[in-house]
Amino acid sequence: MLTWQRTASAGRDREYKLVNLHEIDAERLKNTLAWPQPRPAHGSGVVSQLLDDTALHDRPLTSSGLHLLSTQLAAPIARACAAEGIDQVTLIPLGVFADAPLSAAWALAASGLPTLPLPSGHGRTATATVDAVGVAPSARSVRNRTPGTAATRHSHLLTVSAHQTAAGPLPWAHAESTAIGRLFPGTATLLRGADATVAAVLSSIAHASHVHFAGHGAFAHADPMQTYLECVDGPLTLADLISAGALTETRLFIASACSVGAGDTFRTPDQALGLPTVLLDGHGCALVAPIRPVYDIAAAIFAIRAAELMWSTPTRTPAQAVWRAQSWLAHTQVGDLVAWGAAHPALHLAEAFAETDPRLSWLSRPDIWAPFTYFGR
């Protein structure tokens, strides 16, 4: 398990260190990473299904497993940060750890992370908290210079809602796309329903600094280049994106689709091959995507909340927004989720949670909020 860590500096340049954390019990952690596939969850009844404690055997990751990742992985990294004076961290997971919800483990441990004194450059001591991490498929991905991911009024967003495809309806994807488009500070192109074709998406991506896709997707274990996002007329594969040269302008890609952030580390053990590798290594593009299957309603809530956090404060990085959105989704009670949803009426959260105890939260259901990951630095 390697971490590529960026140390604080008063100047413009930063120092990078490659660190092995021998303190981590890798074998014990590997035994927690059994990820059975969750049941399909679409349409009515999804909320009650998500909160159904009789479905324990269907959960991709248990609360105890995530807690172990948090205490045995995130906590040692936090201690190393404190010892080295590090203000930003990027994890490079290999083998089975490429499938681990490292961002979520960090979010769970965040309340116990140290506060670091960092040089302010003005002869005083400023205080900063290491409150987020990025994940990268290889050390080369971290070394690559990437353009800024911040969105301004000059930025352009492509948001795609493929909510009606042969793979089945996704009733919350349309509301997610609408909200993302409204929150973006620049201009936006929206492709929805019948307009969300492979050709239209490829053509529109070429002109977008930021891309958001809400729909079905899957990581192709047999051939990672066939990992796809499901458009209305068929799959848009990773190979299609590469051959079309469509990502030259894209700085941040938010893929709200099952498993598309996963990577294969068995063919290439020194890096995880998949969408994160292609975006970061080939195009210097950051990625927000789940590494495992996600539920429609949870994906929509997470993506909208992350967008709110990211674009309401220009200085907040995507890594920080993802961490904060994960922590919020895990700890917020249902009643507070419904109140938040009043600002996004298309989600119909009051109706979706009408029969749910408002005091419940999803903290004990990491399969709902843990798969989301930020890939980048």
Protein backbone atom coordinates (compact mmCIF):
# COMPACT_ATOMS: atom_id res chain seq x y z
CA MET A 1 0.00 0.00 0.00
CA LEU A 2 1.63 3.23 -1.13
CA THR A 3 0.74 6.82 -0.42
CA TRP A 4 1.98 9.74 -2.43
CA GLN A 5 1.97 12.66 -0.08
CA ARG A 6 2.39 16.37 -0.78
CA THR A 7 4.11 18.43 1.85
CA ALA A 8 3.37 22.05 2.61
CA SER A 9 5.67 24.75 1.35
CA ALA A 10 5.66 28.53 1.62
CA GLY A 11 6.71 28.78 -2.04
CA ARG A 12 4.87 27.83 -5.20
CA ASP A 13 6.57 24.45 -5.60
CA ARG A 14 5.61 21.47 -3.54
CA GLU A 15 7.70 18.51 -2.43
CA TYR A 16 6.42 15.01 -3.08
CA LYS A 17 7.29 12.00 -0.98
CA LEU A 18 6.63 8.32 -1.65
CA VAL A 19 5.95 6.58 1.63
CA ASN A 20 5.35 2.96 2.64
CA LEU A 21 3.21 2.54 5.74
CA HIS A 22 4.42 -0.69 7.35
CA GLU A 23 2.06 -0.15 10.26
CA ILE A 24 -0.94 -1.30 8.20
CA ASP A 25 -2.06 -4.91 8.64
CA ALA A 26 -2.70 -5.62 4.96
CA GLU A 27 -3.83 -9.22 5.35
CA ARG A 28 -6.40 -8.32 7.96
CA LEU A 29 -7.75 -5.54 5.80
CA LYS A 30 -7.92 -7.77 2.70
CA ASN A 31 -10.23 -10.13 4.57
CA THR A 32 -12.76 -7.31 5.01
CA LEU A 33 -13.02 -6.48 1.31
CA ALA A 34 -15.67 -8.97 0.21
CA TRP A 35 -18.01 -7.06 -2.07
CA PRO A 36 -21.05 -9.14 -3.11
CA GLN A 37 -23.27 -7.41 -5.65
CA PRO A 38 -26.21 -5.46 -4.19
CA ARG A 39 -29.73 -6.17 -5.32
CA PRO A 40 -31.19 -4.03 -8.09
CA ALA A 41 -33.02 -1.06 -6.67
CA HIS A 42 -35.22 1.03 -8.93
CA GLY A 43 -38.57 2.75 -8.66
CA SER A 44 -40.97 2.56 -5.71
CA GLY A 45 -39.87 0.74 -2.61
CA VAL A 46 -36.19 1.61 -3.04
CA VAL A 47 -35.97 3.60 0.19
CA SER A 48 -37.52 0.89 2.35
CA GLN A 49 -35.21 -1.62 0.68
CA LEU A 50 -32.15 0.49 1.45
CA LEU A 51 -33.07 0.62 5.13
CA ASP A 52 -34.16 -3.02 5.39
CA ASP A 53 -32.00 -4.70 8.02
CA THR A 54 -33.04 -8.15 6.79
CA ALA A 55 -30.87 -7.61 3.69
CA LEU A 56 -27.55 -7.80 5.56
CA HIS A 57 -26.23 -10.56 3.34
CA ASP A 58 -26.65 -8.30 0.30
CA ARG A 59 -24.51 -5.51 1.63
CA PRO A 60 -21.27 -4.99 -0.29
CA LEU A 61 -19.36 -3.78 2.77
CA THR A 62 -20.29 -4.02 6.44
CA SER A 63 -20.02 -1.19 8.92
CA SER A 64 -17.44 -3.19 10.86
CA GLY A 65 -15.39 -3.70 7.70
CA LEU A 66 -15.38 -0.01 6.88
CA HIS A 67 -14.56 0.82 10.49
CA LEU A 68 -11.54 -1.47 10.23
CA LEU A 69 -10.41 0.29 7.05
CA SER A 70 -10.84 3.60 8.82
CA THR A 71 -8.91 2.70 11.97
CA GLN A 72 -6.26 0.49 10.39
CA LEU A 73 -5.69 2.45 7.17
CA ALA A 74 -6.86 6.06 7.43
CA ALA A 75 -5.64 6.55 10.99
CA PRO A 76 -2.02 5.44 10.28
CA ILE A 77 -1.94 7.73 7.25
CA ALA A 78 -3.20 10.59 9.41
CA ARG A 79 -0.42 9.92 11.92
CA ALA A 80 2.14 9.90 9.12
CA CYS A 81 0.76 13.22 7.89
CA ALA A 82 1.11 14.76 11.32
CA ALA A 83 4.69 13.53 11.63
CA GLU A 84 5.73 14.82 8.19
CA GLY A 85 3.83 18.11 8.11
CA ILE A 86 1.73 17.03 5.13
CA ASP A 87 -1.33 18.96 4.00
CA GLN A 88 -2.55 16.88 1.03
CA VAL A 89 -2.62 13.13 0.44
CA THR A 90 -3.12 10.96 -2.62
CA LEU A 91 -3.45 7.19 -2.15
CA ILE A 92 -2.20 4.71 -4.74
CA PRO A 93 -3.92 1.42 -3.90
CA LEU A 94 -2.70 -1.84 -5.44
CA GLY A 95 -4.21 -5.32 -5.69
CA VAL A 96 -7.40 -5.86 -3.72
CA PHE A 97 -7.07 -2.38 -2.21
CA ALA A 98 -7.98 -0.90 -5.59
CA ASP A 99 -11.54 -2.01 -4.78
CA ALA A 100 -11.51 -0.58 -1.26
CA PRO A 101 -13.60 2.52 -0.43
CA LEU A 102 -10.57 4.53 0.68
CA SER A 103 -12.27 7.90 0.39
CA ALA A 104 -15.06 6.70 2.66
CA ALA A 105 -12.62 5.25 5.17
CA TRP A 106 -10.95 8.65 5.36
CA ALA A 107 -14.31 10.40 5.74
CA LEU A 108 -15.25 8.09 8.60
CA ALA A 109 -11.99 8.78 10.40
CA ALA A 110 -12.01 12.51 9.69
CA SER A 111 -13.35 13.54 13.08
CA GLY A 112 -10.22 12.09 14.65
CA LEU A 113 -7.69 13.53 12.22
CA PRO A 114 -5.06 15.91 13.59
CA THR A 115 -4.99 19.62 12.97
CA LEU A 116 -1.65 20.58 11.41
CA PRO A 117 0.32 23.81 11.84
CA LEU A 118 1.34 24.90 8.33
CA PRO A 119 3.62 27.74 7.18
CA SER A 120 1.54 30.68 6.04
CA GLY A 121 4.33 32.39 4.12
CA HIS A 122 3.94 35.55 6.22
CA GLY A 123 5.96 34.66 9.30
CA ARG A 124 2.92 33.36 11.16
CA THR A 125 1.45 29.92 11.68
CA ALA A 126 -1.77 29.09 9.89
CA THR A 127 -3.89 26.09 10.84
CA ALA A 128 -5.17 23.59 8.29
CA THR A 129 -6.86 20.23 8.61
CA VAL A 130 -6.17 17.24 6.39
CA ASP A 131 -9.80 16.53 5.65
CA ALA A 132 -9.73 14.82 2.26
CA VAL A 133 -7.75 12.44 0.08
CA GLY A 134 -7.46 11.72 -3.58
CA VAL A 135 -6.97 8.28 -5.13
CA ALA A 136 -4.78 7.60 -8.16
CA PRO A 137 -4.20 4.42 -10.19
CA SER A 138 -0.41 4.90 -10.32
CA ALA A 139 2.41 7.17 -9.19
CA ARG A 140 2.67 8.45 -12.75
CA SER A 141 -0.88 9.75 -12.48
CA VAL A 142 0.15 11.87 -9.51
CA ARG A 143 3.24 13.23 -11.22
CA ASN A 144 1.27 14.35 -14.27
CA ARG A 145 0.49 18.05 -14.21
CA THR A 146 -3.26 18.46 -14.27
CA PRO A 147 -5.18 21.63 -15.11
CA GLY A 148 -7.33 23.23 -12.45
CA THR A 149 -10.71 21.63 -11.81
CA ALA A 150 -12.36 24.82 -10.55
CA ALA A 151 -15.46 25.97 -12.42
CA THR A 152 -15.96 29.62 -13.34
CA ARG A 153 -18.46 31.58 -15.40
CA HIS A 154 -16.24 30.85 -18.40
CA SER A 155 -16.44 27.06 -17.88
CA HIS A 156 -18.78 24.81 -19.81
CA LEU A 157 -20.60 21.77 -18.44
CA LEU A 158 -22.05 18.80 -20.28
CA THR A 159 -24.61 17.00 -18.14
CA VAL A 160 -26.19 13.80 -19.42
CA SER A 161 -29.31 12.11 -18.04
CA ALA A 162 -29.61 8.61 -19.51
CA HIS A 163 -32.54 7.73 -17.27
CA GLN A 164 -34.51 5.67 -19.81
CA THR A 165 -32.42 2.92 -21.41
CA ALA A 166 -32.71 -0.80 -22.09
CA ALA A 167 -30.95 -1.43 -18.77
CA GLY A 168 -33.99 -0.09 -16.89
CA PRO A 169 -35.38 3.23 -15.64
CA LEU A 170 -33.52 5.45 -13.19
CA PRO A 171 -36.15 7.84 -11.86
CA TRP A 172 -33.71 10.04 -9.91
CA ALA A 173 -31.11 10.48 -12.66
CA HIS A 174 -33.17 13.12 -14.47
CA ALA A 175 -33.59 15.18 -11.29
CA GLU A 176 -29.86 14.84 -10.60
CA SER A 177 -28.92 16.15 -14.03
CA THR A 178 -31.33 19.08 -13.73
CA ALA A 179 -29.90 20.10 -10.36
CA ILE A 180 -26.28 19.74 -11.49
CA GLY A 181 -26.95 21.94 -14.50
CA ARG A 182 -28.57 24.59 -12.33
CA LEU A 183 -25.73 24.60 -9.78
CA PHE A 184 -22.92 24.93 -12.32
CA PRO A 185 -21.50 28.48 -12.35
CA GLY A 186 -20.76 28.56 -16.10
CA THR A 187 -22.75 27.57 -19.18
CA ALA A 188 -24.25 24.11 -19.60
CA THR A 189 -25.42 21.70 -22.28
CA LEU A 190 -28.05 19.21 -21.14
CA LEU A 191 -28.61 15.91 -22.97
CA ARG A 192 -31.63 14.01 -21.65
CA GLY A 193 -33.68 11.01 -22.62
CA ALA A 194 -33.75 10.46 -26.38
CA ASP A 195 -31.05 13.11 -26.89
CA ALA A 196 -28.52 11.20 -24.80
CA THR A 197 -27.09 9.15 -27.68
CA VAL A 198 -23.51 7.91 -27.96
CA ALA A 199 -22.79 10.26 -30.88
CA ALA A 200 -24.31 13.29 -29.14
CA VAL A 201 -22.37 12.65 -25.93
CA LEU A 202 -19.06 12.20 -27.77
CA SER A 203 -19.63 15.36 -29.79
CA SER A 204 -20.59 17.46 -26.77
CA ILE A 205 -17.78 16.22 -24.51
CA ALA A 206 -15.25 17.67 -26.92
CA HIS A 207 -16.33 21.20 -25.93
CA ALA A 208 -16.85 20.68 -22.19
CA SER A 209 -14.48 21.59 -19.38
CA HIS A 210 -16.69 19.65 -16.96
CA VAL A 211 -18.76 16.53 -17.64
CA HIS A 212 -21.52 14.93 -15.56
CA PHE A 213 -23.19 11.64 -16.50
CA ALA A 214 -26.15 10.15 -14.60
CA GLY A 215 -27.20 6.70 -15.76
CA HIS A 216 -26.30 3.04 -15.85
CA GLY A 217 -22.71 1.93 -16.18
CA ALA A 218 -20.41 -0.98 -15.45
CA PHE A 219 -16.76 -1.87 -15.10
CA ALA A 220 -15.77 -4.62 -17.56
CA HIS A 221 -13.53 -7.03 -15.64
CA ALA A 222 -12.81 -9.17 -18.71
CA ASP A 223 -11.65 -6.14 -20.72
CA PRO A 224 -11.41 -2.83 -18.82
CA MET A 225 -11.45 -0.91 -22.10
CA GLN A 226 -15.07 -2.04 -22.48
CA THR A 227 -16.10 -0.29 -19.27
CA TYR A 228 -19.11 1.73 -20.30
CA LEU A 229 -21.69 4.41 -19.64
CA GLU A 230 -25.12 3.37 -20.94
CA CYS A 231 -26.58 5.88 -23.40
CA VAL A 232 -30.09 5.72 -24.83
CA ASP A 233 -28.90 3.87 -27.96
CA GLY A 234 -26.26 1.67 -26.37
CA PRO A 235 -23.02 1.67 -24.39
CA LEU A 236 -20.41 4.41 -24.62
CA THR A 237 -17.22 2.48 -23.86
CA LEU A 238 -13.89 3.63 -22.59
CA ALA A 239 -12.43 2.55 -25.93
CA ASP A 240 -14.94 4.85 -27.68
CA LEU A 241 -13.84 7.82 -25.57
CA ILE A 242 -10.20 7.20 -26.41
CA SER A 243 -10.65 6.61 -30.14
CA ALA A 244 -12.84 9.70 -30.51
CA GLY A 245 -10.29 11.89 -28.73
CA ALA A 246 -13.22 13.47 -26.91
CA LEU A 247 -11.60 14.38 -23.60
CA THR A 248 -8.99 16.93 -24.63
CA GLU A 249 -10.75 19.86 -22.93
CA THR A 250 -12.26 18.05 -19.93
CA ARG A 251 -10.83 18.88 -16.50
CA LEU A 252 -13.35 17.10 -14.25
CA PHE A 253 -15.60 14.14 -15.03
CA ILE A 254 -18.40 13.20 -12.61
CA ALA A 255 -19.65 9.72 -13.52
CA SER A 256 -22.73 8.91 -11.45
CA ALA A 257 -22.95 5.33 -12.69
CA CYS A 258 -22.32 1.94 -11.10
CA SER A 259 -18.75 0.71 -10.73
CA VAL A 260 -17.15 2.86 -13.44
CA GLY A 261 -14.43 4.03 -11.06
CA ALA A 262 -13.17 0.48 -10.52
CA GLY A 263 -9.84 -0.71 -11.93
CA ASP A 264 -8.11 -3.95 -12.83
CA THR A 265 -4.80 -4.49 -11.01
CA PHE A 266 -4.26 -8.09 -12.01
CA ARG A 267 -3.09 -7.57 -15.61
CA THR A 268 -1.05 -4.51 -14.66
CA PRO A 269 -0.13 -4.88 -10.97
CA ASP A 270 1.69 -1.53 -10.84
CA GLN A 271 -1.47 0.40 -11.65
CA ALA A 272 -5.24 -0.02 -11.80
CA LEU A 273 -6.42 -0.13 -15.42
CA GLY A 274 -9.77 1.54 -16.05
CA LEU A 275 -11.49 4.90 -16.47
CA PRO A 276 -9.38 6.65 -13.77
CA THR A 277 -6.16 5.57 -15.51
CA VAL A 278 -7.27 6.82 -18.93
CA LEU A 279 -8.54 10.15 -17.60
CA LEU A 280 -5.62 10.93 -15.29
CA ASP A 281 -2.71 9.46 -17.27
CA GLY A 282 -3.92 10.25 -20.74
CA HIS A 283 -5.73 13.54 -20.27
CA GLY A 284 -4.90 15.00 -16.86
CA CYS A 285 -8.62 14.88 -16.05
CA ALA A 286 -9.86 14.34 -12.49
CA LEU A 287 -12.73 11.91 -11.88
CA VAL A 288 -15.50 11.48 -9.32
CA ALA A 289 -17.06 8.01 -9.65
CA PRO A 290 -18.19 5.01 -7.58
CA ILE A 291 -15.95 1.95 -7.45
CA ARG A 292 -18.93 -0.35 -6.81
CA PRO A 293 -22.65 -0.49 -7.61
CA VAL A 294 -24.69 2.39 -6.19
CA TYR A 295 -28.37 3.04 -5.65
CA ASP A 296 -30.18 5.53 -7.85
CA ILE A 297 -31.53 7.78 -5.11
CA ALA A 298 -28.28 7.75 -3.11
CA ALA A 299 -26.22 8.57 -6.21
CA ALA A 300 -28.46 11.53 -7.00
CA ILE A 301 -28.34 12.92 -3.47
CA PHE A 302 -24.57 12.49 -3.27
CA ALA A 303 -23.84 14.07 -6.67
CA ILE A 304 -26.03 17.09 -6.01
CA ARG A 305 -24.62 17.64 -2.53
CA ALA A 306 -21.02 17.31 -3.82
CA ALA A 307 -21.80 19.83 -6.57
CA GLU A 308 -23.27 22.26 -4.03
CA LEU A 309 -20.16 22.02 -1.88
CA MET A 310 -17.76 22.22 -4.80
CA TRP A 311 -19.28 25.08 -6.76
CA SER A 312 -20.57 27.25 -3.94
CA THR A 313 -17.02 27.82 -2.67
CA PRO A 314 -14.47 28.34 -5.48
CA THR A 315 -11.51 27.53 -3.23
CA ARG A 316 -12.92 24.13 -2.23
CA THR A 317 -11.36 21.27 -4.17
CA PRO A 318 -13.31 18.31 -5.59
CA ALA A 319 -11.53 16.03 -3.11
CA GLN A 320 -12.79 18.13 -0.22
CA ALA A 321 -16.30 18.28 -1.70
CA VAL A 322 -16.44 14.50 -2.11
CA TRP A 323 -15.27 13.91 1.44
CA ARG A 324 -17.76 16.40 2.88
CA ALA A 325 -20.63 15.02 0.79
CA GLN A 326 -19.84 11.47 1.88
CA SER A 327 -19.65 12.42 5.52
CA TRP A 328 -22.90 14.38 5.23
CA LEU A 329 -24.72 11.54 3.45
CA ALA A 330 -23.57 9.03 6.05
CA HIS A 331 -24.47 11.05 9.14
CA THR A 332 -27.50 13.12 8.14
CA GLN A 333 -30.80 11.87 9.51
CA VAL A 334 -33.66 11.18 7.10
CA GLY A 335 -35.66 14.13 8.42
CA ASP A 336 -32.79 16.49 7.63
CA LEU A 337 -32.37 14.92 4.18
CA VAL A 338 -36.00 15.68 3.45
CA ALA A 339 -35.55 19.28 4.62
CA TRP A 340 -32.49 19.64 2.38
CA GLY A 341 -34.47 18.17 -0.51
CA ALA A 342 -36.94 21.06 -0.38
CA ALA A 343 -34.39 23.04 -2.40
CA HIS A 344 -34.45 20.27 -5.02
CA PRO A 345 -38.16 19.48 -5.45
CA ALA A 346 -37.57 17.23 -8.47
CA LEU A 347 -36.07 14.64 -6.10
CA HIS A 348 -39.43 14.23 -4.27
CA LEU A 349 -37.60 13.21 -1.09
CA ALA A 350 -40.59 13.90 1.16
CA GLU A 351 -42.58 11.36 -0.83
CA ALA A 352 -39.70 8.87 -1.05
CA PHE A 353 -39.11 8.92 2.72
CA ALA A 354 -42.76 9.30 3.76
CA GLU A 355 -42.80 5.98 5.66
CA THR A 356 -39.25 6.15 7.02
CA ASP A 357 -38.31 7.05 10.60
CA PRO A 358 -36.90 10.62 10.29
CA ARG A 359 -34.31 9.82 12.97
CA LEU A 360 -32.58 7.12 10.91
CA SER A 361 -29.33 7.71 9.04
CA TRP A 362 -27.36 5.67 6.51
CA LEU A 363 -24.19 5.47 8.60
CA SER A 364 -24.71 1.73 9.15
CA ARG A 365 -25.21 1.20 5.40
CA PRO A 366 -21.83 1.99 3.81
CA ASP A 367 -22.92 0.33 0.57
CA ILE A 368 -25.12 3.41 0.08
CA TRP A 369 -22.52 6.15 0.55
CA ALA A 370 -19.06 4.53 0.63
CA PRO A 371 -18.40 3.67 -3.07
CA PHE A 372 -18.00 7.29 -4.25
CA THR A 373 -14.36 8.22 -4.82
CA TYR A 374 -12.35 11.18 -6.05
CA PHE A 375 -9.53 10.27 -8.43
CA GLY A 376 -6.88 12.94 -8.73
CA ARG A 377 -4.66 15.06 -6.55
